[in-house]
Amino acid sequence: MDLRKRAEFSLAFNDAIDEAGSICILGHINPDGDCLGSTLSTMAYIKRRYADKGFRDRTVKVYLDVASEKFAYLEGFHDICHEDSDQVYDLCIVLDCGDAARVGHFLPLLKAAKRKLCVDHHITNEGFAELSLIEHDASSTSELMADLFEERYVDRAIAEALYTGIVHDTGVFRYDCTSPHTMEVAGRCMSYGIDFGEIIDDSFFAMTAVQKAALGRVLSEMEVCLEGRIVFGHIEARTMELYGVTSREMDGIVDQLRTTRGALGAIFMYQCKNRSYKASLRSNTDELNVAAIAQTFGGGGHLRAAGCFMGPDLKDDKEKLLSEIRKQLGT
């Protein structure tokens, strides 16, 4: 953590908001807990922080893909814009995105905005905005936003969103990205009286009956590859339709594969509507950098958690991913 750089960015961040007459906030495609936590908390913070300057009546909107209803408890969830817009915003704040393309079909909003800021923690982010705060060792973008926000403008709803983001990107404080500072920030969020146990149970661990059925199908057909070092699972579109699950309900499956005893990592692939596959990659060791593997195929992420889109040939794409893993592991 570079405190001087953090302080300089904080001043610029607040000045940019203060000077803007309209703001759009973007996150990555298929928004997860950290994406939602960071974007929604930022929208709420701006409305609180600049209420005396009439920002409640000025334009500040979050644009994201449709997210899982399990996050519907977050303030602002039902106000998220899911459709494109041709509006030119004074300021575009991009959160939790490793590169500009990750905002998906909202890229024109980013390109058209007069000013662009980015806060992120992905190791693959090389800085695509004119002003960026990128800290690879932060547990989550929500942790970074918590440090940027002035405490006097944070309330329970904002703390709830920040805590949600931290919980999801740390795997409930189990992943190596969890630091003592992460726990301090989580503790600050808890001090606002949030129901932290319910957040963890309902948004991270809880699954619907059909999700559990689909998970059971994946686990029953999983494969152990590379002499037991990699666990592979997949689900096809027709099977997802059979169980009545969507791509938004695939969260958590890859971690069920990752926690197989003796495994160094896991791959989970699910088929999208266009018949291509989304691959989620997880690692249990620094020897296996899944972010680098995902980058090879146009994706990105973190050292131990990353993802990318592959083609329509499951068998061929599986072998491509395993080949990159072999190179890293030296086998």
C-alpha atoms as a PDB file:
ATOM      1  CA  MET A   1       0.000   0.000   0.000  1.00  0.00           C
ATOM      2  CA  ASP A   2       1.510   3.293  -1.165  1.00  0.00           C
ATOM      3  CA  LEU A   3      -0.030   5.799   1.274  1.00  0.00           C
ATOM      4  CA  ARG A   4       1.198   8.859  -0.654  1.00  0.00           C
ATOM      5  CA  LYS A   5      -0.266   7.592  -3.921  1.00  0.00           C
ATOM      6  CA  ARG A   6      -3.476   6.629  -2.122  1.00  0.00           C
ATOM      7  CA  ALA A   7      -3.790  10.147  -0.635  1.00  0.00           C
ATOM      8  CA  GLU A   8      -3.152  11.826  -3.999  1.00  0.00           C
ATOM      9  CA  PHE A   9      -5.738   9.657  -5.702  1.00  0.00           C
ATOM     10  CA  SER A  10      -8.285  10.294  -2.948  1.00  0.00           C
ATOM     11  CA  LEU A  11      -8.027  14.047  -3.484  1.00  0.00           C
ATOM     12  CA  ALA A  12      -8.311  13.682  -7.253  1.00  0.00           C
ATOM     13  CA  PHE A  13     -11.196  11.226  -6.868  1.00  0.00           C
ATOM     14  CA  ASN A  14     -13.229  13.621  -4.729  1.00  0.00           C
ATOM     15  CA  ASP A  15     -12.368  16.628  -6.903  1.00  0.00           C
ATOM     16  CA  ALA A  16     -13.492  14.775 -10.048  1.00  0.00           C
ATOM     17  CA  ILE A  17     -16.828  13.902  -8.444  1.00  0.00           C
ATOM     18  CA  ASP A  18     -17.309  17.436  -7.155  1.00  0.00           C
ATOM     19  CA  GLU A  19     -16.698  18.902 -10.604  1.00  0.00           C
ATOM     20  CA  ALA A  20     -18.945  16.455 -12.473  1.00  0.00           C
ATOM     21  CA  GLY A  21     -22.539  17.193 -13.369  1.00  0.00           C
ATOM     22  CA  SER A  22     -23.232  13.589 -14.321  1.00  0.00           C
ATOM     23  CA  ILE A  23     -21.561  10.316 -13.358  1.00  0.00           C
ATOM     24  CA  CYS A  24     -21.842   6.749 -14.572  1.00  0.00           C
ATOM     25  CA  ILE A  25     -20.354   3.871 -12.597  1.00  0.00           C
ATOM     26  CA  LEU A  26     -19.361   0.698 -14.439  1.00  0.00           C
ATOM     27  CA  GLY A  27     -18.200  -2.757 -13.357  1.00  0.00           C
ATOM     28  CA  HIS A  28     -17.311  -5.971 -15.122  1.00  0.00           C
ATOM     29  CA  ILE A  29     -19.536  -8.358 -17.077  1.00  0.00           C
ATOM     30  CA  ASN A  30     -21.337 -11.021 -15.022  1.00  0.00           C
ATOM     31  CA  PRO A  31     -21.102  -8.902 -11.836  1.00  0.00           C
ATOM     32  CA  ASP A  32     -20.113 -10.734  -8.664  1.00  0.00           C
ATOM     33  CA  GLY A  33     -20.206  -9.683  -5.027  1.00  0.00           C
ATOM     34  CA  ASP A  34     -17.189  -7.381  -5.197  1.00  0.00           C
ATOM     35  CA  CYS A  35     -18.358  -5.731  -8.404  1.00  0.00           C
ATOM     36  CA  LEU A  36     -21.792  -5.050  -6.901  1.00  0.00           C
ATOM     37  CA  GLY A  37     -20.421  -4.093  -3.504  1.00  0.00           C
ATOM     38  CA  SER A  38     -17.964  -1.557  -4.891  1.00  0.00           C
ATOM     39  CA  THR A  39     -20.260   0.005  -7.496  1.00  0.00           C
ATOM     40  CA  LEU A  40     -23.382   0.278  -5.331  1.00  0.00           C
ATOM     41  CA  SER A  41     -21.467   1.556  -2.310  1.00  0.00           C
ATOM     42  CA  THR A  42     -19.845   4.202  -4.504  1.00  0.00           C
ATOM     43  CA  MET A  43     -23.197   5.372  -5.862  1.00  0.00           C
ATOM     44  CA  ALA A  44     -24.590   5.599  -2.334  1.00  0.00           C
ATOM     45  CA  TYR A  45     -21.459   7.380  -1.050  1.00  0.00           C
ATOM     46  CA  ILE A  46     -21.603  10.002  -3.799  1.00  0.00           C
ATOM     47  CA  LYS A  47     -25.240  10.739  -2.977  1.00  0.00           C
ATOM     48  CA  ARG A  48     -24.424  11.105   0.733  1.00  0.00           C
ATOM     49  CA  ARG A  49     -21.105  12.925   0.368  1.00  0.00           C
ATOM     50  CA  TYR A  50     -22.369  15.520  -2.107  1.00  0.00           C
ATOM     51  CA  ALA A  51     -25.974  15.900  -0.945  1.00  0.00           C
ATOM     52  CA  ASP A  52     -25.321  19.488   0.146  1.00  0.00           C
ATOM     53  CA  LYS A  53     -24.355  20.339  -3.439  1.00  0.00           C
ATOM     54  CA  GLY A  54     -27.510  18.881  -4.862  1.00  0.00           C
ATOM     55  CA  PHE A  55     -25.991  15.624  -6.066  1.00  0.00           C
ATOM     56  CA  ARG A  56     -29.138  13.765  -5.114  1.00  0.00           C
ATOM     57  CA  ASP A  57     -30.760  15.576  -8.008  1.00  0.00           C
ATOM     58  CA  ARG A  58     -27.824  15.270 -10.353  1.00  0.00           C
ATOM     59  CA  THR A  59     -27.226  12.200 -12.466  1.00  0.00           C
ATOM     60  CA  VAL A  60     -25.345   9.301 -10.909  1.00  0.00           C
ATOM     61  CA  LYS A  61     -26.112   5.838 -12.246  1.00  0.00           C
ATOM     62  CA  VAL A  62     -24.691   2.326 -12.101  1.00  0.00           C
ATOM     63  CA  TYR A  63     -24.670   0.335 -15.357  1.00  0.00           C
ATOM     64  CA  LEU A  64     -24.200  -3.441 -15.050  1.00  0.00           C
ATOM     65  CA  ASP A  65     -25.402  -6.718 -16.486  1.00  0.00           C
ATOM     66  CA  VAL A  66     -28.300  -8.367 -14.678  1.00  0.00           C
ATOM     67  CA  ALA A  67     -26.968  -9.882 -11.435  1.00  0.00           C
ATOM     68  CA  SER A  68     -28.150 -12.658  -9.154  1.00  0.00           C
ATOM     69  CA  GLU A  69     -31.184 -11.827  -7.024  1.00  0.00           C
ATOM     70  CA  LYS A  70     -29.293 -13.045  -3.971  1.00  0.00           C
ATOM     71  CA  PHE A  71     -27.764  -9.549  -3.885  1.00  0.00           C
ATOM     72  CA  ALA A  72     -31.147  -7.795  -3.950  1.00  0.00           C
ATOM     73  CA  TYR A  73     -30.721  -6.719  -0.309  1.00  0.00           C
ATOM     74  CA  LEU A  74     -28.104  -4.165  -1.364  1.00  0.00           C
ATOM     75  CA  GLU A  75     -29.296  -0.566  -1.559  1.00  0.00           C
ATOM     76  CA  GLY A  76     -29.534   0.537  -5.179  1.00  0.00           C
ATOM     77  CA  PHE A  77     -29.701  -3.019  -6.580  1.00  0.00           C
ATOM     78  CA  HIS A  78     -33.053  -2.408  -8.280  1.00  0.00           C
ATOM     79  CA  ASP A  79     -31.870   0.959  -9.626  1.00  0.00           C
ATOM     80  CA  ILE A  80     -29.052  -0.579 -11.695  1.00  0.00           C
ATOM     81  CA  CYS A  81     -29.342   0.253 -15.410  1.00  0.00           C
ATOM     82  CA  HIS A  82     -29.044  -2.832 -17.609  1.00  0.00           C
ATOM     83  CA  GLU A  83     -29.588  -1.196 -20.993  1.00  0.00           C
ATOM     84  CA  ASP A  84     -27.140   0.786 -23.096  1.00  0.00           C
ATOM     85  CA  SER A  85     -27.322   4.575 -23.145  1.00  0.00           C
ATOM     86  CA  ASP A  86     -26.083   7.194 -25.580  1.00  0.00           C
ATOM     87  CA  GLN A  87     -25.680   9.786 -22.814  1.00  0.00           C
ATOM     88  CA  VAL A  88     -22.283  11.435 -22.536  1.00  0.00           C
ATOM     89  CA  TYR A  89     -21.329  11.564 -18.855  1.00  0.00           C
ATOM     90  CA  ASP A  90     -18.946  14.066 -17.333  1.00  0.00           C
ATOM     91  CA  LEU A  91     -17.281  11.316 -15.324  1.00  0.00           C
ATOM     92  CA  CYS A  92     -17.086   7.551 -15.697  1.00  0.00           C
ATOM     93  CA  ILE A  93     -15.887   5.566 -12.672  1.00  0.00           C
ATOM     94  CA  VAL A  94     -14.844   2.011 -13.553  1.00  0.00           C
ATOM     95  CA  LEU A  95     -14.560  -0.403 -10.648  1.00  0.00           C
ATOM     96  CA  ASP A  96     -13.239  -3.960 -10.380  1.00  0.00           C
ATOM     97  CA  CYS A  97     -12.314  -4.220 -14.082  1.00  0.00           C
ATOM     98  CA  GLY A  98      -8.963  -5.584 -15.230  1.00  0.00           C
ATOM     99  CA  ASP A  99      -9.255  -3.889 -18.624  1.00  0.00           C
ATOM    100  CA  ALA A 100     -11.653  -1.640 -20.513  1.00  0.00           C
ATOM    101  CA  ALA A 101     -13.206  -4.461 -22.533  1.00  0.00           C
ATOM    102  CA  ARG A 102     -14.436  -6.087 -19.313  1.00  0.00           C
ATOM    103  CA  VAL A 103     -17.258  -3.531 -19.044  1.00  0.00           C
ATOM    104  CA  GLY A 104     -18.868  -5.415 -21.938  1.00  0.00           C
ATOM    105  CA  HIS A 105     -21.594  -3.703 -23.937  1.00  0.00           C
ATOM    106  CA  PHE A 106     -21.267  -0.570 -21.791  1.00  0.00           C
ATOM    107  CA  LEU A 107     -17.893   0.228 -23.378  1.00  0.00           C
ATOM    108  CA  PRO A 108     -19.381   3.133 -25.430  1.00  0.00           C
ATOM    109  CA  LEU A 109     -20.306   4.858 -22.141  1.00  0.00           C
ATOM    110  CA  LEU A 110     -16.701   4.598 -20.997  1.00  0.00           C
ATOM    111  CA  LYS A 111     -15.291   5.828 -24.283  1.00  0.00           C
ATOM    112  CA  ALA A 112     -17.684   8.765 -24.516  1.00  0.00           C
ATOM    113  CA  ALA A 113     -17.209  10.021 -20.946  1.00  0.00           C
ATOM    114  CA  LYS A 114     -15.295  13.279 -20.561  1.00  0.00           C
ATOM    115  CA  ARG A 115     -13.193  11.950 -17.660  1.00  0.00           C
ATOM    116  CA  LYS A 116     -12.375   8.382 -16.683  1.00  0.00           C
ATOM    117  CA  LEU A 117     -11.317   6.990 -13.294  1.00  0.00           C
ATOM    118  CA  CYS A 118     -10.563   3.412 -12.339  1.00  0.00           C
ATOM    119  CA  VAL A 119     -10.156   1.623  -9.007  1.00  0.00           C
ATOM    120  CA  ASP A 120      -9.167  -2.022  -9.207  1.00  0.00           C
ATOM    121  CA  HIS A 121      -7.105  -4.827  -7.691  1.00  0.00           C
ATOM    122  CA  HIS A 122      -6.660  -7.211 -10.631  1.00  0.00           C
ATOM    123  CA  ILE A 123      -3.076  -8.172 -11.365  1.00  0.00           C
ATOM    124  CA  THR A 124      -3.806  -7.937 -15.104  1.00  0.00           C
ATOM    125  CA  ASN A 125      -4.821  -4.259 -14.969  1.00  0.00           C
ATOM    126  CA  GLU A 126      -2.238  -2.105 -16.723  1.00  0.00           C
ATOM    127  CA  GLY A 127      -4.108   1.187 -16.263  1.00  0.00           C
ATOM    128  CA  PHE A 128      -6.580   2.117 -18.999  1.00  0.00           C
ATOM    129  CA  ALA A 129      -8.107   5.214 -17.365  1.00  0.00           C
ATOM    130  CA  GLU A 130      -6.569   8.687 -17.173  1.00  0.00           C
ATOM    131  CA  LEU A 131      -6.498   8.355 -13.375  1.00  0.00           C
ATOM    132  CA  SER A 132      -6.239   4.959 -11.696  1.00  0.00           C
ATOM    133  CA  LEU A 133      -5.742   3.402  -8.301  1.00  0.00           C
ATOM    134  CA  ILE A 134      -4.631  -0.178  -8.828  1.00  0.00           C
ATOM    135  CA  GLU A 135      -3.406  -2.184  -5.846  1.00  0.00           C
ATOM    136  CA  HIS A 136      -2.812  -5.817  -6.672  1.00  0.00           C
ATOM    137  CA  ASP A 137      -2.348  -6.848  -3.067  1.00  0.00           C
ATOM    138  CA  ALA A 138      -5.757  -5.551  -1.952  1.00  0.00           C
ATOM    139  CA  SER A 139      -8.309  -8.240  -1.181  1.00  0.00           C
ATOM    140  CA  SER A 140     -11.017  -6.561  -3.231  1.00  0.00           C
ATOM    141  CA  THR A 141     -12.067  -3.343  -4.883  1.00  0.00           C
ATOM    142  CA  SER A 142     -14.555  -2.934  -2.047  1.00  0.00           C
ATOM    143  CA  GLU A 143     -11.649  -2.810   0.409  1.00  0.00           C
ATOM    144  CA  LEU A 144     -10.038  -0.059  -1.659  1.00  0.00           C
ATOM    145  CA  MET A 145     -13.274   1.940  -1.809  1.00  0.00           C
ATOM    146  CA  ALA A 146     -13.698   1.616   1.953  1.00  0.00           C
ATOM    147  CA  ASP A 147     -10.322   3.292   2.385  1.00  0.00           C
ATOM    148  CA  LEU A 148     -11.226   6.076  -0.061  1.00  0.00           C
ATOM    149  CA  PHE A 149     -14.560   6.924   1.552  1.00  0.00           C
ATOM    150  CA  GLU A 150     -14.654   9.506   4.346  1.00  0.00           C
ATOM    151  CA  GLU A 151     -15.995   7.764   7.449  1.00  0.00           C
ATOM    152  CA  ARG A 152     -18.536  10.469   8.294  1.00  0.00           C
ATOM    153  CA  TYR A 153     -20.434   9.779   5.055  1.00  0.00           C
ATOM    154  CA  VAL A 154     -20.529   6.000   5.467  1.00  0.00           C
ATOM    155  CA  ASP A 155     -23.701   4.459   6.855  1.00  0.00           C
ATOM    156  CA  ARG A 156     -25.082   0.970   7.370  1.00  0.00           C
ATOM    157  CA  ALA A 157     -26.164   0.497   3.735  1.00  0.00           C
ATOM    158  CA  ILE A 158     -22.727   1.473   2.422  1.00  0.00           C
ATOM    159  CA  ALA A 159     -20.997  -0.732   5.010  1.00  0.00           C
ATOM    160  CA  GLU A 160     -23.266  -3.614   4.008  1.00  0.00           C
ATOM    161  CA  ALA A 161     -22.254  -3.306   0.356  1.00  0.00           C
ATOM    162  CA  LEU A 162     -18.539  -3.016   1.181  1.00  0.00           C
ATOM    163  CA  TYR A 163     -18.662  -6.020   3.505  1.00  0.00           C
ATOM    164  CA  THR A 164     -20.442  -8.044   0.807  1.00  0.00           C
ATOM    165  CA  GLY A 165     -17.697  -7.279  -1.690  1.00  0.00           C
ATOM    166  CA  ILE A 166     -14.926  -8.181   0.730  1.00  0.00           C
ATOM    167  CA  VAL A 167     -16.616 -11.428   1.785  1.00  0.00           C
ATOM    168  CA  HIS A 168     -17.042 -12.601  -1.790  1.00  0.00           C
ATOM    169  CA  ASP A 169     -13.554 -11.811  -3.065  1.00  0.00           C
ATOM    170  CA  THR A 170     -11.864 -13.340  -0.009  1.00  0.00           C
ATOM    171  CA  GLY A 171     -14.031 -16.461   0.032  1.00  0.00           C
ATOM    172  CA  VAL A 172     -15.233 -15.439   3.509  1.00  0.00           C
ATOM    173  CA  PHE A 173     -11.672 -14.505   4.552  1.00  0.00           C
ATOM    174  CA  ARG A 174     -10.199 -17.857   3.460  1.00  0.00           C
ATOM    175  CA  TYR A 175      -8.105 -16.769   0.451  1.00  0.00           C
ATOM    176  CA  ASP A 176      -4.493 -15.579   0.596  1.00  0.00           C
ATOM    177  CA  CYS A 177      -5.570 -12.081  -0.498  1.00  0.00           C
ATOM    178  CA  THR A 178      -6.986 -11.606   3.014  1.00  0.00           C
ATOM    179  CA  SER A 179      -4.657  -9.350   5.010  1.00  0.00           C
ATOM    180  CA  PRO A 180      -4.761  -7.907   8.530  1.00  0.00           C
ATOM    181  CA  HIS A 181      -5.936  -4.661   6.930  1.00  0.00           C
ATOM    182  CA  THR A 182      -8.761  -6.563   5.208  1.00  0.00           C
ATOM    183  CA  MET A 183      -9.949  -7.723   8.609  1.00  0.00           C
ATOM    184  CA  GLU A 184      -9.698  -4.170   9.954  1.00  0.00           C
ATOM    185  CA  VAL A 185     -11.900  -2.867   7.138  1.00  0.00           C
ATOM    186  CA  ALA A 186     -14.378  -5.707   7.653  1.00  0.00           C
ATOM    187  CA  GLY A 187     -14.443  -4.854  11.345  1.00  0.00           C
ATOM    188  CA  ARG A 188     -15.232  -1.228  10.547  1.00  0.00           C
ATOM    189  CA  CYS A 189     -18.133  -2.380   8.394  1.00  0.00           C
ATOM    190  CA  MET A 190     -19.409  -4.590  11.204  1.00  0.00           C
ATOM    191  CA  SER A 191     -19.394  -1.606  13.566  1.00  0.00           C
ATOM    192  CA  TYR A 192     -22.323  -0.124  11.613  1.00  0.00           C
ATOM    193  CA  GLY A 193     -24.570  -2.914  12.853  1.00  0.00           C
ATOM    194  CA  ILE A 194     -24.793  -4.919   9.637  1.00  0.00           C
ATOM    195  CA  ASP A 195     -26.066  -8.496   9.862  1.00  0.00           C
ATOM    196  CA  PHE A 196     -22.736  -9.978   8.802  1.00  0.00           C
ATOM    197  CA  GLY A 197     -23.787 -13.567   9.457  1.00  0.00           C
ATOM    198  CA  GLU A 198     -26.840 -13.265   7.252  1.00  0.00           C
ATOM    199  CA  ILE A 199     -24.796 -11.636   4.486  1.00  0.00           C
ATOM    200  CA  ILE A 200     -22.368 -14.565   4.516  1.00  0.00           C
ATOM    201  CA  ASP A 201     -25.045 -17.253   4.708  1.00  0.00           C
ATOM    202  CA  ASP A 202     -27.502 -15.797   2.209  1.00  0.00           C
ATOM    203  CA  SER A 203     -25.200 -14.303  -0.415  1.00  0.00           C
ATOM    204  CA  PHE A 204     -22.199 -16.644  -0.277  1.00  0.00           C
ATOM    205  CA  PHE A 205     -23.147 -20.098   1.004  1.00  0.00           C
ATOM    206  CA  ALA A 206     -26.881 -20.420   0.340  1.00  0.00           C
ATOM    207  CA  MET A 207     -27.988 -22.212  -2.833  1.00  0.00           C
ATOM    208  CA  THR A 208     -31.410 -22.912  -4.243  1.00  0.00           C
ATOM    209  CA  ALA A 209     -32.537 -26.500  -4.653  1.00  0.00           C
ATOM    210  CA  VAL A 210     -31.913 -26.376  -8.420  1.00  0.00           C
ATOM    211  CA  GLN A 211     -28.440 -24.925  -7.877  1.00  0.00           C
ATOM    212  CA  LYS A 212     -27.601 -27.781  -5.551  1.00  0.00           C
ATOM    213  CA  ALA A 213     -28.926 -30.271  -8.087  1.00  0.00           C
ATOM    214  CA  ALA A 214     -26.756 -28.744 -10.821  1.00  0.00           C
ATOM    215  CA  LEU A 215     -23.753 -28.746  -8.476  1.00  0.00           C
ATOM    216  CA  GLY A 216     -24.381 -32.412  -7.750  1.00  0.00           C
ATOM    217  CA  ARG A 217     -24.382 -33.140 -11.468  1.00  0.00           C
ATOM    218  CA  VAL A 218     -21.062 -31.347 -11.937  1.00  0.00           C
ATOM    219  CA  LEU A 219     -19.466 -33.134  -8.959  1.00  0.00           C
ATOM    220  CA  SER A 220     -20.739 -36.529 -10.091  1.00  0.00           C
ATOM    221  CA  GLU A 221     -19.059 -36.071 -13.476  1.00  0.00           C
ATOM    222  CA  MET A 222     -15.894 -34.240 -12.410  1.00  0.00           C
ATOM    223  CA  GLU A 223     -12.512 -35.473 -13.635  1.00  0.00           C
ATOM    224  CA  VAL A 224      -9.143 -35.593 -11.916  1.00  0.00           C
ATOM    225  CA  CYS A 225      -6.372 -34.529 -14.303  1.00  0.00           C
ATOM    226  CA  LEU A 226      -2.569 -34.240 -14.305  1.00  0.00           C
ATOM    227  CA  GLU A 227      -1.979 -37.002 -11.769  1.00  0.00           C
ATOM    228  CA  GLY A 228      -4.534 -35.615  -9.352  1.00  0.00           C
ATOM    229  CA  ARG A 229      -3.234 -32.057  -9.351  1.00  0.00           C
ATOM    230  CA  ILE A 230      -6.122 -30.470 -11.269  1.00  0.00           C
ATOM    231  CA  VAL A 231      -9.845 -31.095 -10.845  1.00  0.00           C
ATOM    232  CA  PHE A 232     -12.021 -30.416 -13.879  1.00  0.00           C
ATOM    233  CA  GLY A 233     -15.783 -29.965 -14.048  1.00  0.00           C
ATOM    234  CA  HIS A 234     -18.227 -28.735 -16.652  1.00  0.00           C
ATOM    235  CA  ILE A 235     -21.891 -28.295 -17.444  1.00  0.00           C
ATOM    236  CA  GLU A 236     -23.498 -27.879 -20.838  1.00  0.00           C
ATOM    237  CA  ALA A 237     -26.278 -25.459 -21.783  1.00  0.00           C
ATOM    238  CA  ARG A 238     -28.864 -28.193 -22.260  1.00  0.00           C
ATOM    239  CA  THR A 239     -28.121 -29.556 -18.796  1.00  0.00           C
ATOM    240  CA  MET A 240     -28.425 -26.068 -17.298  1.00  0.00           C
ATOM    241  CA  GLU A 241     -31.808 -25.753 -18.998  1.00  0.00           C
ATOM    242  CA  LEU A 242     -32.820 -29.151 -17.656  1.00  0.00           C
ATOM    243  CA  TYR A 243     -32.078 -28.071 -14.083  1.00  0.00           C
ATOM    244  CA  GLY A 244     -33.465 -24.578 -14.596  1.00  0.00           C
ATOM    245  CA  VAL A 245     -30.251 -22.701 -13.753  1.00  0.00           C
ATOM    246  CA  THR A 246     -28.580 -19.786 -15.512  1.00  0.00           C
ATOM    247  CA  SER A 247     -25.029 -18.476 -15.766  1.00  0.00           C
ATOM    248  CA  ARG A 248     -25.759 -16.176 -12.799  1.00  0.00           C
ATOM    249  CA  GLU A 249     -26.182 -19.274 -10.647  1.00  0.00           C
ATOM    250  CA  MET A 250     -22.806 -20.833 -11.397  1.00  0.00           C
ATOM    251  CA  ASP A 251     -21.068 -18.999  -8.533  1.00  0.00           C
ATOM    252  CA  GLY A 252     -19.324 -21.237  -6.048  1.00  0.00           C
ATOM    253  CA  ILE A 253     -19.098 -24.384  -8.152  1.00  0.00           C
ATOM    254  CA  VAL A 254     -15.441 -23.909  -9.051  1.00  0.00           C
ATOM    255  CA  ASP A 255     -14.554 -23.569  -5.359  1.00  0.00           C
ATOM    256  CA  GLN A 256     -16.266 -26.869  -4.626  1.00  0.00           C
ATOM    257  CA  LEU A 257     -13.838 -28.390  -7.132  1.00  0.00           C
ATOM    258  CA  ARG A 258     -10.862 -26.405  -5.802  1.00  0.00           C
ATOM    259  CA  THR A 259     -11.195 -27.737  -2.273  1.00  0.00           C
ATOM    260  CA  THR A 260     -10.641 -31.341  -3.372  1.00  0.00           C
ATOM    261  CA  ARG A 261      -7.916 -32.751  -1.146  1.00  0.00           C
ATOM    262  CA  GLY A 262      -4.530 -32.843  -2.886  1.00  0.00           C
ATOM    263  CA  ALA A 263      -5.546 -30.607  -5.810  1.00  0.00           C
ATOM    264  CA  LEU A 264      -3.312 -27.698  -6.825  1.00  0.00           C
ATOM    265  CA  GLY A 265      -6.121 -26.074  -8.761  1.00  0.00           C
ATOM    266  CA  ALA A 266      -9.435 -26.438 -10.541  1.00  0.00           C
ATOM    267  CA  ILE A 267     -11.157 -25.635 -13.813  1.00  0.00           C
ATOM    268  CA  PHE A 268     -14.905 -25.224 -14.202  1.00  0.00           C
ATOM    269  CA  MET A 269     -16.473 -24.597 -17.608  1.00  0.00           C
ATOM    270  CA  TYR A 270     -20.106 -23.821 -18.326  1.00  0.00           C
ATOM    271  CA  GLN A 271     -21.662 -23.363 -21.728  1.00  0.00           C
ATOM    272  CA  CYS A 272     -23.090 -19.984 -22.688  1.00  0.00           C
ATOM    273  CA  LYS A 273     -26.073 -19.283 -24.907  1.00  0.00           C
ATOM    274  CA  ASN A 274     -23.824 -18.745 -27.933  1.00  0.00           C
ATOM    275  CA  ARG A 275     -22.464 -22.294 -27.327  1.00  0.00           C
ATOM    276  CA  SER A 276     -19.024 -21.055 -26.259  1.00  0.00           C
ATOM    277  CA  TYR A 277     -17.735 -21.863 -22.773  1.00  0.00           C
ATOM    278  CA  LYS A 278     -16.870 -19.635 -19.824  1.00  0.00           C
ATOM    279  CA  ALA A 279     -13.890 -21.037 -17.912  1.00  0.00           C
ATOM    280  CA  SER A 280     -13.330 -20.271 -14.232  1.00  0.00           C
ATOM    281  CA  LEU A 281      -9.839 -21.077 -12.952  1.00  0.00           C
ATOM    282  CA  ARG A 282      -8.694 -21.455  -9.352  1.00  0.00           C
ATOM    283  CA  SER A 283      -5.312 -22.166  -7.794  1.00  0.00           C
ATOM    284  CA  ASN A 284      -4.256 -23.380  -4.362  1.00  0.00           C
ATOM    285  CA  THR A 285      -0.589 -22.445  -4.789  1.00  0.00           C
ATOM    286  CA  ASP A 286       1.518 -19.526  -6.018  1.00  0.00           C
ATOM    287  CA  GLU A 287       3.232 -22.004  -8.348  1.00  0.00           C
ATOM    288  CA  LEU A 288       0.081 -21.937 -10.477  1.00  0.00           C
ATOM    289  CA  ASN A 289      -0.716 -18.430 -11.752  1.00  0.00           C
ATOM    290  CA  VAL A 290      -4.179 -18.773 -13.265  1.00  0.00           C
ATOM    291  CA  ALA A 291      -4.304 -15.059 -14.164  1.00  0.00           C
ATOM    292  CA  ALA A 292      -1.485 -15.622 -16.654  1.00  0.00           C
ATOM    293  CA  ILE A 293      -3.318 -18.617 -18.110  1.00  0.00           C
ATOM    294  CA  ALA A 294      -6.557 -16.650 -18.448  1.00  0.00           C
ATOM    295  CA  GLN A 295      -4.671 -13.816 -20.157  1.00  0.00           C
ATOM    296  CA  THR A 296      -3.419 -16.258 -22.763  1.00  0.00           C
ATOM    297  CA  PHE A 297      -7.027 -16.705 -23.838  1.00  0.00           C
ATOM    298  CA  GLY A 298      -8.100 -13.074 -23.590  1.00  0.00           C
ATOM    299  CA  GLY A 299      -9.264 -13.152 -19.977  1.00  0.00           C
ATOM    300  CA  GLY A 300      -7.721 -12.078 -16.706  1.00  0.00           C
ATOM    301  CA  GLY A 301      -8.067 -11.950 -12.961  1.00  0.00           C
ATOM    302  CA  HIS A 302      -5.913 -12.713  -9.956  1.00  0.00           C
ATOM    303  CA  LEU A 303      -2.984 -15.000  -9.234  1.00  0.00           C
ATOM    304  CA  ARG A 304      -5.282 -17.634  -7.727  1.00  0.00           C
ATOM    305  CA  ALA A 305      -8.658 -16.773  -9.263  1.00  0.00           C
ATOM    306  CA  ALA A 306      -9.243 -15.898 -12.902  1.00  0.00           C
ATOM    307  CA  GLY A 307     -11.500 -16.538 -15.863  1.00  0.00           C
ATOM    308  CA  CYS A 308     -11.808 -16.368 -19.622  1.00  0.00           C
ATOM    309  CA  PHE A 309     -14.107 -17.280 -22.474  1.00  0.00           C
ATOM    310  CA  MET A 310     -13.217 -20.224 -24.665  1.00  0.00           C
ATOM    311  CA  GLY A 311     -14.620 -21.632 -27.901  1.00  0.00           C
ATOM    312  CA  PRO A 312     -17.408 -24.166 -28.494  1.00  0.00           C
ATOM    313  CA  ASP A 313     -15.176 -27.268 -28.416  1.00  0.00           C
ATOM    314  CA  LEU A 314     -15.132 -28.391 -24.780  1.00  0.00           C
ATOM    315  CA  LYS A 315     -12.620 -31.217 -25.207  1.00  0.00           C
ATOM    316  CA  ASP A 316     -10.176 -29.136 -27.232  1.00  0.00           C
ATOM    317  CA  ASP A 317     -10.408 -26.094 -24.960  1.00  0.00           C
ATOM    318  CA  LYS A 318      -9.995 -28.223 -21.851  1.00  0.00           C
ATOM    319  CA  GLU A 319      -6.750 -29.596 -23.287  1.00  0.00           C
ATOM    320  CA  LYS A 320      -5.554 -26.077 -24.141  1.00  0.00           C
ATOM    321  CA  LEU A 321      -6.043 -24.990 -20.538  1.00  0.00           C
ATOM    322  CA  LEU A 322      -4.367 -28.111 -19.163  1.00  0.00           C
ATOM    323  CA  SER A 323      -1.447 -27.577 -21.542  1.00  0.00           C
ATOM    324  CA  GLU A 324      -0.848 -24.091 -20.115  1.00  0.00           C
ATOM    325  CA  ILE A 325      -1.039 -25.522 -16.611  1.00  0.00           C
ATOM    326  CA  ARG A 326       1.535 -28.186 -17.506  1.00  0.00           C
ATOM    327  CA  LYS A 327       3.916 -25.474 -18.706  1.00  0.00           C
ATOM    328  CA  GLN A 328       3.634 -23.617 -15.422  1.00  0.00           C
ATOM    329  CA  LEU A 329       4.042 -26.737 -13.302  1.00  0.00           C
ATOM    330  CA  GLY A 330       6.955 -27.944 -15.429  1.00  0.00           C
ATOM    331  CA  THR A 331       5.438 -31.253 -16.501  1.00  0.00           C
END
